[in-house]
Amino acid sequence: MPIEIRELNIRVSVTRSEQEQESTTAPGSVQSGAPDMDGLITECVEQVMELLRLRNER
């Protein structure tokens, strides 16, 4: 006889060590060596559009 799960509750607790909290920067700030988000998004969009174009050519 199969068992049916109607509701599943999952709880997760994530904590950072004190050292990790000190080493992270504030949200929205640019880190040196961090990728350019606009450039990254543009490149991803271009790759997706290329894949869609190739798929439509078939």
Protein backbone atom coordinates (compact mmCIF):
# COMPACT_ATOMS: atom_id res chain seq x y z
CA MET A 1 0.00 0.00 0.00
CA PRO A 2 1.60 3.35 -1.08
CA ILE A 3 2.06 6.19 1.39
CA GLU A 4 0.94 9.66 0.35
CA ILE A 5 2.63 12.70 1.90
CA ARG A 6 0.26 15.65 1.82
CA GLU A 7 2.37 18.18 3.65
CA LEU A 8 6.09 18.37 4.29
CA ASN A 9 7.64 20.95 6.63
CA ILE A 10 11.37 21.59 6.45
CA ARG A 11 13.18 23.95 8.81
CA VAL A 12 16.75 25.08 8.29
CA SER A 13 18.97 27.18 10.49
CA VAL A 14 22.02 28.76 8.89
CA THR A 15 24.67 30.48 10.96
CA ARG A 16 27.96 32.04 10.00
CA SER A 17 31.08 32.02 12.05
CA GLU A 18 32.24 35.36 13.42
CA GLN A 19 35.22 35.38 11.06
CA GLU A 20 33.00 34.91 7.98
CA GLN A 21 30.70 37.74 9.08
CA GLU A 22 33.63 40.13 9.42
CA SER A 23 35.05 39.21 6.01
CA THR A 24 31.81 39.81 4.08
CA THR A 25 30.97 43.25 2.77
CA ALA A 26 27.67 45.08 2.87
CA PRO A 27 25.09 44.14 0.24
CA GLY A 28 25.36 46.24 -2.89
CA SER A 29 29.00 47.09 -2.42
CA VAL A 30 31.49 46.09 -5.08
CA GLN A 31 34.36 43.87 -4.05
CA SER A 32 37.67 44.02 -5.87
CA GLY A 33 37.91 40.98 -8.10
CA ALA A 34 34.13 40.41 -7.97
CA PRO A 35 32.48 39.90 -11.36
CA ASP A 36 30.61 42.77 -12.95
CA MET A 37 26.97 41.80 -12.38
CA ASP A 38 25.60 43.75 -15.38
CA GLY A 39 28.21 42.22 -17.66
CA LEU A 40 27.53 38.76 -16.28
CA ILE A 41 23.78 39.11 -16.80
CA THR A 42 24.30 40.43 -20.33
CA GLU A 43 26.55 37.50 -21.21
CA CYS A 44 24.04 34.98 -19.80
CA VAL A 45 21.18 36.56 -21.75
CA GLU A 46 23.24 36.46 -24.95
CA GLN A 47 24.06 32.78 -24.44
CA VAL A 48 20.40 31.90 -23.78
CA MET A 49 19.28 33.83 -26.87
CA GLU A 50 21.89 32.01 -28.97
CA LEU A 51 20.69 28.63 -27.70
CA LEU A 52 17.08 29.53 -28.44
CA ARG A 53 18.04 30.70 -31.93
CA LEU A 54 19.88 27.43 -32.61
CA ARG A 55 16.94 25.41 -31.30
CA ASN A 56 14.50 27.27 -33.56
CA GLU A 57 16.69 26.66 -36.64
CA ARG A 58 16.26 22.90 -36.39
